[in-house]
Amino acid sequence: MGLLKKIKASTLMETLVATVLIVIIFIMASLVLNNVFSTAINNDTNHLEARLTEIEYLVTQKKISIPYTEEFEKWTVTVRQGNRYFLNIEAYDSMKSKLVIQKQLVYEN
């Protein structure tokens, strides 16, 4: 009987509680990461910035006339004469209408 020693172990209830806690932590972490990634994807404006740069080039090369308006993906892009030497290029989100991107371009007629 000297060879059999009692090994400390956890009970079934302790193991189940620990497993449930770990699962809850992983579920909360996955929800947070999902929210972060979806927000990053929704706020990505790289395509719009490239299109605004293209419109800026077309205006300087006199390929488009001012005032100019277009729909680009979910954005409404407008080009207007600000004052004598400036053009305002503005893009706003047609879905949310909260997000606005503005550029000002020095322009000579």
PDB file of N, CA and C in Angstrom:
ATOM      1  N   MET A   1       0.799  -1.186   0.000  1.00  0.00           N
ATOM      2  CA  MET A   1       0.000   0.000   0.000  1.00  0.00           C
ATOM      3  C   MET A   1       0.847   1.257   0.000  1.00  0.00           C
ATOM      4  N   GLY A   2       2.112   1.126   0.256  1.00  0.00           N
ATOM      5  CA  GLY A   2       2.975   2.285   0.288  1.00  0.00           C
ATOM      6  C   GLY A   2       3.196   2.879  -1.085  1.00  0.00           C
ATOM      7  N   LEU A   3       2.974   2.100  -2.146  1.00  0.00           N
ATOM      8  CA  LEU A   3       3.188   2.588  -3.494  1.00  0.00           C
ATOM      9  C   LEU A   3       2.049   3.483  -3.982  1.00  0.00           C
ATOM     10  N   LEU A   4       0.871   3.284  -3.485  1.00  0.00           N
ATOM     11  CA  LEU A   4      -0.270   4.083  -3.921  1.00  0.00           C
ATOM     12  C   LEU A   4      -0.331   5.377  -3.115  1.00  0.00           C
ATOM     13  N   LYS A   5      -0.066   6.468  -3.803  1.00  0.00           N
ATOM     14  CA  LYS A   5      -0.152   7.774  -3.167  1.00  0.00           C
ATOM     15  C   LYS A   5      -1.353   8.513  -3.743  1.00  0.00           C
ATOM     16  N   LYS A   6      -1.915   9.361  -2.939  1.00  0.00           N
ATOM     17  CA  LYS A   6      -3.066  10.127  -3.398  1.00  0.00           C
ATOM     18  C   LYS A   6      -2.561  11.299  -4.256  1.00  0.00           C
ATOM     19  N   ILE A   7      -3.072  11.391  -5.487  1.00  0.00           N
ATOM     20  CA  ILE A   7      -2.716  12.468  -6.402  1.00  0.00           C
ATOM     21  C   ILE A   7      -3.786  13.552  -6.279  1.00  0.00           C
ATOM     22  N   LYS A   8      -3.323  14.806  -6.151  1.00  0.00           N
ATOM     23  CA  LYS A   8      -4.297  15.903  -6.069  1.00  0.00           C
ATOM     24  C   LYS A   8      -4.886  16.133  -7.454  1.00  0.00           C
ATOM     25  N   ALA A   9      -6.170  16.202  -7.521  1.00  0.00           N
ATOM     26  CA  ALA A   9      -6.852  16.432  -8.791  1.00  0.00           C
ATOM     27  C   ALA A   9      -8.080  17.293  -8.530  1.00  0.00           C
ATOM     28  N   SER A  10      -8.599  17.832  -9.612  1.00  0.00           N
ATOM     29  CA  SER A  10      -9.795  18.653  -9.457  1.00  0.00           C
ATOM     30  C   SER A  10     -11.028  17.775  -9.659  1.00  0.00           C
ATOM     31  N   THR A  11     -12.104  18.244  -9.125  1.00  0.00           N
ATOM     32  CA  THR A  11     -13.351  17.499  -9.272  1.00  0.00           C
ATOM     33  C   THR A  11     -13.961  17.801 -10.627  1.00  0.00           C
ATOM     34  N   LEU A  12     -14.939  17.027 -10.978  1.00  0.00           N
ATOM     35  CA  LEU A  12     -15.630  17.222 -12.253  1.00  0.00           C
ATOM     36  C   LEU A  12     -16.294  18.596 -12.300  1.00  0.00           C
ATOM     37  N   MET A  13     -16.873  19.037 -11.208  1.00  0.00           N
ATOM     38  CA  MET A  13     -17.548  20.335 -11.154  1.00  0.00           C
ATOM     39  C   MET A  13     -16.544  21.476 -11.379  1.00  0.00           C
ATOM     40  N   GLU A  14     -15.387  21.403 -10.778  1.00  0.00           N
ATOM     41  CA  GLU A  14     -14.369  22.450 -10.976  1.00  0.00           C
ATOM     42  C   GLU A  14     -13.915  22.494 -12.424  1.00  0.00           C
ATOM     43  N   THR A  15     -13.748  21.340 -13.034  1.00  0.00           N
ATOM     44  CA  THR A  15     -13.335  21.277 -14.439  1.00  0.00           C
ATOM     45  C   THR A  15     -14.402  21.876 -15.351  1.00  0.00           C
ATOM     46  N   LEU A  16     -15.655  21.579 -15.100  1.00  0.00           N
ATOM     47  CA  LEU A  16     -16.738  22.133 -15.910  1.00  0.00           C
ATOM     48  C   LEU A  16     -16.831  23.651 -15.766  1.00  0.00           C
ATOM     49  N   VAL A  17     -16.683  24.152 -14.563  1.00  0.00           N
ATOM     50  CA  VAL A  17     -16.737  25.601 -14.332  1.00  0.00           C
ATOM     51  C   VAL A  17     -15.587  26.287 -15.064  1.00  0.00           C
ATOM     52  N   ALA A  18     -14.406  25.724 -14.980  1.00  0.00           N
ATOM     53  CA  ALA A  18     -13.249  26.310 -15.663  1.00  0.00           C
ATOM     54  C   ALA A  18     -13.439  26.297 -17.177  1.00  0.00           C
ATOM     55  N   THR A  19     -13.996  25.205 -17.688  1.00  0.00           N
ATOM     56  CA  THR A  19     -14.249  25.117 -19.134  1.00  0.00           C
ATOM     57  C   THR A  19     -15.269  26.148 -19.572  1.00  0.00           C
ATOM     58  N   VAL A  20     -16.329  26.309 -18.826  1.00  0.00           N
ATOM     59  CA  VAL A  20     -17.360  27.297 -19.170  1.00  0.00           C
ATOM     60  C   VAL A  20     -16.775  28.709 -19.136  1.00  0.00           C
ATOM     61  N   LEU A  21     -15.954  29.016 -18.153  1.00  0.00           N
ATOM     62  CA  LEU A  21     -15.329  30.347 -18.085  1.00  0.00           C
ATOM     63  C   LEU A  21     -14.416  30.593 -19.280  1.00  0.00           C
ATOM     64  N   ILE A  22     -13.639  29.606 -19.666  1.00  0.00           N
ATOM     65  CA  ILE A  22     -12.745  29.764 -20.822  1.00  0.00           C
ATOM     66  C   ILE A  22     -13.556  29.961 -22.102  1.00  0.00           C
ATOM     67  N   VAL A  23     -14.645  29.212 -22.260  1.00  0.00           N
ATOM     68  CA  VAL A  23     -15.482  29.363 -23.447  1.00  0.00           C
ATOM     69  C   VAL A  23     -16.111  30.758 -23.486  1.00  0.00           C
ATOM     70  N   ILE A  24     -16.575  31.259 -22.367  1.00  0.00           N
ATOM     71  CA  ILE A  24     -17.177  32.600 -22.317  1.00  0.00           C
ATOM     72  C   ILE A  24     -16.141  33.661 -22.684  1.00  0.00           C
ATOM     73  N   ILE A  25     -14.929  33.513 -22.182  1.00  0.00           N
ATOM     74  CA  ILE A  25     -13.866  34.484 -22.511  1.00  0.00           C
ATOM     75  C   ILE A  25     -13.556  34.443 -23.999  1.00  0.00           C
ATOM     76  N   PHE A  26     -13.482  33.263 -24.600  1.00  0.00           N
ATOM     77  CA  PHE A  26     -13.214  33.171 -26.040  1.00  0.00           C
ATOM     78  C   PHE A  26     -14.355  33.745 -26.864  1.00  0.00           C
ATOM     79  N   ILE A  27     -15.588  33.543 -26.455  1.00  0.00           N
ATOM     80  CA  ILE A  27     -16.731  34.110 -27.191  1.00  0.00           C
ATOM     81  C   ILE A  27     -16.695  35.629 -27.134  1.00  0.00           C
ATOM     82  N   MET A  28     -16.428  36.189 -25.952  1.00  0.00           N
ATOM     83  CA  MET A  28     -16.359  37.657 -25.835  1.00  0.00           C
ATOM     84  C   MET A  28     -15.205  38.212 -26.664  1.00  0.00           C
ATOM     85  N   ALA A  29     -14.065  37.553 -26.667  1.00  0.00           N
ATOM     86  CA  ALA A  29     -12.923  38.016 -27.455  1.00  0.00           C
ATOM     87  C   ALA A  29     -13.231  37.967 -28.946  1.00  0.00           C
ATOM     88  N   SER A  30     -13.909  36.916 -29.392  1.00  0.00           N
ATOM     89  CA  SER A  30     -14.240  36.831 -30.819  1.00  0.00           C
ATOM     90  C   SER A  30     -15.251  37.903 -31.220  1.00  0.00           C
ATOM     91  N   LEU A  31     -16.197  38.229 -30.355  1.00  0.00           N
ATOM     92  CA  LEU A  31     -17.149  39.301 -30.664  1.00  0.00           C
ATOM     93  C   LEU A  31     -16.463  40.658 -30.756  1.00  0.00           C
ATOM     94  N   VAL A  32     -15.523  40.900 -29.850  1.00  0.00           N
ATOM     95  CA  VAL A  32     -14.783  42.164 -29.887  1.00  0.00           C
ATOM     96  C   VAL A  32     -13.946  42.258 -31.156  1.00  0.00           C
ATOM     97  N   LEU A  33     -13.253  41.187 -31.511  1.00  0.00           N
ATOM     98  CA  LEU A  33     -12.437  41.203 -32.731  1.00  0.00           C
ATOM     99  C   LEU A  33     -13.306  41.359 -33.976  1.00  0.00           C
ATOM    100  N   ASN A  34     -14.456  40.722 -33.998  1.00  0.00           N
ATOM    101  CA  ASN A  34     -15.376  40.867 -35.127  1.00  0.00           C
ATOM    102  C   ASN A  34     -15.816  42.320 -35.271  1.00  0.00           C
ATOM    103  N   ASN A  35     -16.117  42.978 -34.175  1.00  0.00           N
ATOM    104  CA  ASN A  35     -16.528  44.382 -34.201  1.00  0.00           C
ATOM    105  C   ASN A  35     -15.392  45.272 -34.699  1.00  0.00           C
ATOM    106  N   VAL A  36     -14.182  45.004 -34.241  1.00  0.00           N
ATOM    107  CA  VAL A  36     -13.029  45.812 -34.664  1.00  0.00           C
ATOM    108  C   VAL A  36     -12.792  45.658 -36.161  1.00  0.00           C
ATOM    109  N   PHE A  37     -12.827  44.424 -36.662  1.00  0.00           N
ATOM    110  CA  PHE A  37     -12.569  44.203 -38.083  1.00  0.00           C
ATOM    111  C   PHE A  37     -13.675  44.766 -38.960  1.00  0.00           C
ATOM    112  N   SER A  38     -14.921  44.637 -38.561  1.00  0.00           N
ATOM    113  CA  SER A  38     -16.006  45.184 -39.378  1.00  0.00           C
ATOM    114  C   SER A  38     -15.971  46.711 -39.405  1.00  0.00           C
ATOM    115  N   THR A  39     -15.597  47.328 -38.293  1.00  0.00           N
ATOM    116  CA  THR A  39     -15.453  48.785 -38.272  1.00  0.00           C
ATOM    117  C   THR A  39     -14.309  49.226 -39.178  1.00  0.00           C
ATOM    118  N   ALA A  40     -13.219  48.504 -39.156  1.00  0.00           N
ATOM    119  CA  ALA A  40     -12.077  48.843 -40.013  1.00  0.00           C
ATOM    120  C   ALA A  40     -12.441  48.714 -41.493  1.00  0.00           C
ATOM    121  N   ILE A  41     -13.207  47.706 -41.828  1.00  0.00           N
ATOM    122  CA  ILE A  41     -13.609  47.519 -43.230  1.00  0.00           C
ATOM    123  C   ILE A  41     -14.590  48.609 -43.655  1.00  0.00           C
ATOM    124  N   ASN A  42     -15.528  48.962 -42.796  1.00  0.00           N
ATOM    125  CA  ASN A  42     -16.514  49.987 -43.145  1.00  0.00           C
ATOM    126  C   ASN A  42     -15.902  51.373 -43.265  1.00  0.00           C
ATOM    127  N   ASN A  43     -14.841  51.650 -42.536  1.00  0.00           N
ATOM    128  CA  ASN A  43     -14.229  52.974 -42.565  1.00  0.00           C
ATOM    129  C   ASN A  43     -13.037  53.059 -43.514  1.00  0.00           C
ATOM    130  N   ASP A  44     -12.832  52.056 -44.339  1.00  0.00           N
ATOM    131  CA  ASP A  44     -11.732  52.068 -45.294  1.00  0.00           C
ATOM    132  C   ASP A  44     -12.072  53.007 -46.446  1.00  0.00           C
ATOM    133  N   THR A  45     -11.254  54.033 -46.647  1.00  0.00           N
ATOM    134  CA  THR A  45     -11.521  55.021 -47.695  1.00  0.00           C
ATOM    135  C   THR A  45     -10.404  55.084 -48.736  1.00  0.00           C
ATOM    136  N   ASN A  46      -9.618  54.026 -48.860  1.00  0.00           N
ATOM    137  CA  ASN A  46      -8.506  54.045 -49.819  1.00  0.00           C
ATOM    138  C   ASN A  46      -8.989  54.174 -51.257  1.00  0.00           C
ATOM    139  N   HIS A  47     -10.065  53.464 -51.617  1.00  0.00           N
ATOM    140  CA  HIS A  47     -10.593  53.569 -52.977  1.00  0.00           C
ATOM    141  C   HIS A  47     -11.088  54.988 -53.255  1.00  0.00           C
ATOM    142  N   LEU A  48     -11.731  55.582 -52.278  1.00  0.00           N
ATOM    143  CA  LEU A  48     -12.238  56.942 -52.444  1.00  0.00           C
ATOM    144  C   LEU A  48     -11.091  57.940 -52.582  1.00  0.00           C
ATOM    145  N   GLU A  49     -10.051  57.792 -51.764  1.00  0.00           N
ATOM    146  CA  GLU A  49      -8.901  58.703 -51.859  1.00  0.00           C
ATOM    147  C   GLU A  49      -8.251  58.609 -53.236  1.00  0.00           C
ATOM    148  N   ALA A  50      -8.164  57.406 -53.778  1.00  0.00           N
ATOM    149  CA  ALA A  50      -7.593  57.239 -55.119  1.00  0.00           C
ATOM    150  C   ALA A  50      -8.475  57.918 -56.160  1.00  0.00           C
ATOM    151  N   ARG A  51      -9.801  57.791 -56.024  1.00  0.00           N
ATOM    152  CA  ARG A  51     -10.712  58.432 -56.977  1.00  0.00           C
ATOM    153  C   ARG A  51     -10.649  59.955 -56.863  1.00  0.00           C
ATOM    154  N   LEU A  52     -10.529  60.484 -55.656  1.00  0.00           N
ATOM    155  CA  LEU A  52     -10.414  61.940 -55.483  1.00  0.00           C
ATOM    156  C   LEU A  52      -9.129  62.460 -56.118  1.00  0.00           C
ATOM    157  N   THR A  53      -8.058  61.699 -55.994  1.00  0.00           N
ATOM    158  CA  THR A  53      -6.803  62.100 -56.634  1.00  0.00           C
ATOM    159  C   THR A  53      -6.939  62.069 -58.156  1.00  0.00           C
ATOM    160  N   GLU A  54      -7.659  61.080 -58.670  1.00  0.00           N
ATOM    161  CA  GLU A  54      -7.899  60.993 -60.106  1.00  0.00           C
ATOM    162  C   GLU A  54      -8.743  62.171 -60.587  1.00  0.00           C
ATOM    163  N   ILE A  55      -9.767  62.539 -59.829  1.00  0.00           N
ATOM    164  CA  ILE A  55     -10.606  63.693 -60.191  1.00  0.00           C
ATOM    165  C   ILE A  55      -9.787  64.972 -60.137  1.00  0.00           C
ATOM    166  N   GLU A  56      -8.924  65.080 -59.143  1.00  0.00           N
ATOM    167  CA  GLU A  56      -8.043  66.248 -59.037  1.00  0.00           C
ATOM    168  C   GLU A  56      -7.157  66.373 -60.283  1.00  0.00           C
ATOM    169  N   TYR A  57      -6.635  65.254 -60.741  1.00  0.00           N
ATOM    170  CA  TYR A  57      -5.819  65.257 -61.957  1.00  0.00           C
ATOM    171  C   TYR A  57      -6.646  65.658 -63.167  1.00  0.00           C
ATOM    172  N   LEU A  58      -7.861  65.109 -63.278  1.00  0.00           N
ATOM    173  CA  LEU A  58      -8.705  65.435 -64.426  1.00  0.00           C
ATOM    174  C   LEU A  58      -9.088  66.911 -64.444  1.00  0.00           C
ATOM    175  N   VAL A  59      -9.279  67.488 -63.278  1.00  0.00           N
ATOM    176  CA  VAL A  59      -9.609  68.922 -63.219  1.00  0.00           C
ATOM    177  C   VAL A  59      -8.416  69.759 -63.653  1.00  0.00           C
ATOM    178  N   THR A  60      -7.233  69.417 -63.181  1.00  0.00           N
ATOM    179  CA  THR A  60      -6.053  70.202 -63.557  1.00  0.00           C
ATOM    180  C   THR A  60      -5.728  70.070 -65.041  1.00  0.00           C
ATOM    181  N   GLN A  61      -6.087  68.941 -65.643  1.00  0.00           N
ATOM    182  CA  GLN A  61      -5.867  68.745 -67.076  1.00  0.00           C
ATOM    183  C   GLN A  61      -7.046  69.223 -67.921  1.00  0.00           C
ATOM    184  N   LYS A  62      -8.058  69.801 -67.239  1.00  0.00           N
ATOM    185  CA  LYS A  62      -9.253  70.339 -67.890  1.00  0.00           C
ATOM    186  C   LYS A  62     -10.009  69.277 -68.701  1.00  0.00           C
ATOM    187  N   LYS A  63     -10.074  68.067 -68.147  1.00  0.00           N
ATOM    188  CA  LYS A  63     -10.812  66.974 -68.787  1.00  0.00           C
ATOM    189  C   LYS A  63     -12.266  66.924 -68.326  1.00  0.00           C
ATOM    190  N   ILE A  64     -12.553  67.513 -67.177  1.00  0.00           N
ATOM    191  CA  ILE A  64     -13.940  67.585 -66.710  1.00  0.00           C
ATOM    192  C   ILE A  64     -14.274  69.045 -66.418  1.00  0.00           C
ATOM    193  N   SER A  65     -15.540  69.374 -66.573  1.00  0.00           N
ATOM    194  CA  SER A  65     -15.957  70.762 -66.353  1.00  0.00           C
ATOM    195  C   SER A  65     -16.467  70.931 -64.927  1.00  0.00           C
ATOM    196  N   ILE A  66     -16.383  72.159 -64.455  1.00  0.00           N
ATOM    197  CA  ILE A  66     -16.780  72.486 -63.093  1.00  0.00           C
ATOM    198  C   ILE A  66     -18.077  73.277 -63.175  1.00  0.00           C
ATOM    199  N   PRO A  67     -19.057  73.035 -62.375  1.00  0.00           N
ATOM    200  CA  PRO A  67     -19.197  72.104 -61.255  1.00  0.00           C
ATOM    201  C   PRO A  67     -19.371  70.674 -61.762  1.00  0.00           C
ATOM    202  N   TYR A  68     -18.938  69.728 -60.935  1.00  0.00           N
ATOM    203  CA  TYR A  68     -18.949  68.318 -61.305  1.00  0.00           C
ATOM    204  C   TYR A  68     -19.478  67.503 -60.137  1.00  0.00           C
ATOM    205  N   THR A  69     -20.350  66.534 -60.440  1.00  0.00           N
ATOM    206  CA  THR A  69     -20.904  65.644 -59.415  1.00  0.00           C
ATOM    207  C   THR A  69     -20.932  64.227 -59.963  1.00  0.00           C
ATOM    208  N   GLU A  70     -20.591  63.277 -59.114  1.00  0.00           N
ATOM    209  CA  GLU A  70     -20.669  61.873 -59.514  1.00  0.00           C
ATOM    210  C   GLU A  70     -20.966  61.008 -58.302  1.00  0.00           C
ATOM    211  N   GLU A  71     -21.478  59.815 -58.562  1.00  0.00           N
ATOM    212  CA  GLU A  71     -21.687  58.797 -57.532  1.00  0.00           C
ATOM    213  C   GLU A  71     -20.559  57.786 -57.676  1.00  0.00           C
ATOM    214  N   PHE A  72     -19.820  57.573 -56.596  1.00  0.00           N
ATOM    215  CA  PHE A  72     -18.737  56.606 -56.591  1.00  0.00           C
ATOM    216  C   PHE A  72     -18.968  55.642 -55.437  1.00  0.00           C
ATOM    217  N   GLU A  73     -19.277  54.395 -55.768  1.00  0.00           N
ATOM    218  CA  GLU A  73     -19.644  53.380 -54.787  1.00  0.00           C
ATOM    219  C   GLU A  73     -20.775  53.931 -53.919  1.00  0.00           C
ATOM    220  N   LYS A  74     -20.552  54.133 -52.630  1.00  0.00           N
ATOM    221  CA  LYS A  74     -21.616  54.684 -51.782  1.00  0.00           C
ATOM    222  C   LYS A  74     -21.391  56.163 -51.478  1.00  0.00           C
ATOM    223  N   TRP A  75     -20.493  56.806 -52.206  1.00  0.00           N
ATOM    224  CA  TRP A  75     -20.109  58.199 -51.965  1.00  0.00           C
ATOM    225  C   TRP A  75     -20.651  59.102 -53.052  1.00  0.00           C
ATOM    226  N   THR A  76     -20.992  60.331 -52.677  1.00  0.00           N
ATOM    227  CA  THR A  76     -21.342  61.371 -53.630  1.00  0.00           C
ATOM    228  C   THR A  76     -20.189  62.373 -53.643  1.00  0.00           C
ATOM    229  N   VAL A  77     -19.582  62.531 -54.818  1.00  0.00           N
ATOM    230  CA  VAL A  77     -18.405  63.393 -54.963  1.00  0.00           C
ATOM    231  C   VAL A  77     -18.822  64.635 -55.740  1.00  0.00           C
ATOM    232  N   THR A  78     -18.491  65.806 -55.196  1.00  0.00           N
ATOM    233  CA  THR A  78     -18.792  67.063 -55.885  1.00  0.00           C
ATOM    234  C   THR A  78     -17.529  67.910 -55.964  1.00  0.00           C
ATOM    235  N   VAL A  79     -17.405  68.619 -57.072  1.00  0.00           N
ATOM    236  CA  VAL A  79     -16.311  69.573 -57.268  1.00  0.00           C
ATOM    237  C   VAL A  79     -16.960  70.917 -57.555  1.00  0.00           C
ATOM    238  N   ARG A  80     -16.636  71.913 -56.722  1.00  0.00           N
ATOM    239  CA  ARG A  80     -17.220  73.247 -56.871  1.00  0.00           C
ATOM    240  C   ARG A  80     -16.124  74.303 -56.794  1.00  0.00           C
ATOM    241  N   GLN A  81     -16.412  75.436 -57.407  1.00  0.00           N
ATOM    242  CA  GLN A  81     -15.505  76.573 -57.325  1.00  0.00           C
ATOM    243  C   GLN A  81     -15.655  77.203 -55.950  1.00  0.00           C
ATOM    244  N   GLY A  82     -14.570  77.244 -55.167  1.00  0.00           N
ATOM    245  CA  GLY A  82     -14.625  77.825 -53.837  1.00  0.00           C
ATOM    246  C   GLY A  82     -14.570  79.338 -53.907  1.00  0.00           C
ATOM    247  N   ASN A  83     -13.459  79.850 -54.324  1.00  0.00           N
ATOM    248  CA  ASN A  83     -13.337  81.270 -54.636  1.00  0.00           C
ATOM    249  C   ASN A  83     -12.495  81.373 -55.899  1.00  0.00           C
ATOM    250  N   ARG A  84     -11.869  82.488 -56.123  1.00  0.00           N
ATOM    251  CA  ARG A  84     -11.196  82.703 -57.404  1.00  0.00           C
ATOM    252  C   ARG A  84     -10.099  81.688 -57.684  1.00  0.00           C
ATOM    253  N   TYR A  85      -9.348  81.280 -56.655  1.00  0.00           N
ATOM    254  CA  TYR A  85      -8.182  80.429 -56.877  1.00  0.00           C
ATOM    255  C   TYR A  85      -8.314  79.015 -56.304  1.00  0.00           C
ATOM    256  N   PHE A  86      -9.414  78.701 -55.679  1.00  0.00           N
ATOM    257  CA  PHE A  86      -9.530  77.397 -55.024  1.00  0.00           C
ATOM    258  C   PHE A  86     -10.733  76.621 -55.546  1.00  0.00           C
ATOM    259  N   LEU A  87     -10.553  75.306 -55.617  1.00  0.00           N
ATOM    260  CA  LEU A  87     -11.652  74.386 -55.893  1.00  0.00           C
ATOM    261  C   LEU A  87     -11.873  73.536 -54.656  1.00  0.00           C
ATOM    262  N   ASN A  88     -13.111  73.276 -54.339  1.00  0.00           N
ATOM    263  CA  ASN A  88     -13.447  72.397 -53.226  1.00  0.00           C
ATOM    264  C   ASN A  88     -13.879  71.050 -53.778  1.00  0.00           C
ATOM    265  N   ILE A  89     -13.185  70.004 -53.385  1.00  0.00           N
ATOM    266  CA  ILE A  89     -13.567  68.641 -53.738  1.00  0.00           C
ATOM    267  C   ILE A  89     -14.102  68.007 -52.464  1.00  0.00           C
ATOM    268  N   GLU A  90     -15.340  67.552 -52.521  1.00  0.00           N
ATOM    269  CA  GLU A  90     -16.014  67.060 -51.318  1.00  0.00           C
ATOM    270  C   GLU A  90     -16.670  65.722 -51.619  1.00  0.00           C
ATOM    271  N   ALA A  91     -16.516  64.790 -50.695  1.00  0.00           N
ATOM    272  CA  ALA A  91     -17.165  63.485 -50.818  1.00  0.00           C
ATOM    273  C   ALA A  91     -17.888  63.200 -49.512  1.00  0.00           C
ATOM    274  N   TYR A  92     -19.157  62.841 -49.617  1.00  0.00           N
ATOM    275  CA  TYR A  92     -19.873  62.465 -48.409  1.00  0.00           C
ATOM    276  C   TYR A  92     -20.585  61.138 -48.631  1.00  0.00           C
ATOM    277  N   ASP A  93     -20.717  60.415 -47.549  1.00  0.00           N
ATOM    278  CA  ASP A  93     -21.295  59.083 -47.573  1.00  0.00           C
ATOM    279  C   ASP A  93     -22.798  59.196 -47.757  1.00  0.00           C
ATOM    280  N   SER A  94     -23.319  58.639 -48.841  1.00  0.00           N
ATOM    281  CA  SER A  94     -24.755  58.742 -49.095  1.00  0.00           C
ATOM    282  C   SER A  94     -25.585  57.900 -48.140  1.00  0.00           C
ATOM    283  N   MET A  95     -24.986  56.868 -47.555  1.00  0.00           N
ATOM    284  CA  MET A  95     -25.723  56.002 -46.635  1.00  0.00           C
ATOM    285  C   MET A  95     -25.825  56.626 -45.242  1.00  0.00           C
ATOM    286  N   LYS A  96     -24.691  57.056 -44.705  1.00  0.00           N
ATOM    287  CA  LYS A  96     -24.670  57.553 -43.330  1.00  0.00           C
ATOM    288  C   LYS A  96     -24.786  59.058 -43.262  1.00  0.00           C
ATOM    289  N   SER A  97     -24.227  59.750 -44.247  1.00  0.00           N
ATOM    290  CA  SER A  97     -24.144  61.211 -44.340  1.00  0.00           C
ATOM    291  C   SER A  97     -23.450  61.843 -43.132  1.00  0.00           C
ATOM    292  N   LYS A  98     -22.713  61.049 -42.375  1.00  0.00           N
ATOM    293  CA  LYS A  98     -21.933  61.598 -41.273  1.00  0.00           C
ATOM    294  C   LYS A  98     -20.488  61.799 -41.689  1.00  0.00           C
ATOM    295  N   LEU A  99     -19.998  60.934 -42.554  1.00  0.00           N
ATOM    296  CA  LEU A  99     -18.599  60.960 -42.938  1.00  0.00           C
ATOM    297  C   LEU A  99     -18.423  61.849 -44.163  1.00  0.00           C
ATOM    298  N   VAL A 100     -17.577  62.878 -44.049  1.00  0.00           N
ATOM    299  CA  VAL A 100     -17.317  63.809 -45.143  1.00  0.00           C
ATOM    300  C   VAL A 100     -15.809  63.929 -45.303  1.00  0.00           C
ATOM    301  N   ILE A 101     -15.353  63.841 -46.550  1.00  0.00           N
ATOM    302  CA  ILE A 101     -13.944  64.033 -46.856  1.00  0.00           C
ATOM    303  C   ILE A 101     -13.852  65.248 -47.768  1.00  0.00           C
ATOM    304  N   GLN A 102     -13.021  66.206 -47.379  1.00  0.00           N
ATOM    305  CA  GLN A 102     -12.894  67.439 -48.147  1.00  0.00           C
ATOM    306  C   GLN A 102     -11.447  67.650 -48.552  1.00  0.00           C
ATOM    307  N   LYS A 103     -11.279  68.186 -49.756  1.00  0.00           N
ATOM    308  CA  LYS A 103      -9.968  68.584 -50.253  1.00  0.00           C
ATOM    309  C   LYS A 103     -10.117  69.967 -50.865  1.00  0.00           C
ATOM    310  N   GLN A 104      -9.042  70.725 -50.824  1.00  0.00           N
ATOM    311  CA  GLN A 104      -9.049  72.017 -51.471  1.00  0.00           C
ATOM    312  C   GLN A 104      -7.887  72.038 -52.449  1.00  0.00           C
ATOM    313  N   LEU A 105      -8.150  72.504 -53.659  1.00  0.00           N
ATOM    314  CA  LEU A 105      -7.184  72.461 -54.738  1.00  0.00           C
ATOM    315  C   LEU A 105      -6.960  73.874 -55.254  1.00  0.00           C
ATOM    316  N   VAL A 106      -5.700  74.253 -55.383  1.00  0.00           N
ATOM    317  CA  VAL A 106      -5.372  75.558 -55.974  1.00  0.00           C
ATOM    318  C   VAL A 106      -5.564  75.404 -57.473  1.00  0.00           C
ATOM    319  N   TYR A 107      -6.353  76.300 -58.055  1.00  0.00           N
ATOM    320  CA  TYR A 107      -6.761  76.142 -59.443  1.00  0.00           C
ATOM    321  C   TYR A 107      -6.780  77.502 -60.125  1.00  0.00           C
ATOM    322  N   GLU A 108      -6.250  77.524 -61.332  1.00  0.00           N
ATOM    323  CA  GLU A 108      -6.283  78.756 -62.119  1.00  0.00           C
ATOM    324  C   GLU A 108      -7.157  78.507 -63.335  1.00  0.00           C
ATOM    325  N   ASN A 109      -8.079  79.421 -63.583  1.00  0.00           N
ATOM    326  CA  ASN A 109      -8.958  79.287 -64.762  1.00  0.00           C
ATOM    327  C   ASN A 109      -8.231  79.533 -66.040  1.00  0.00           C
TER     328      ASN A 109
END
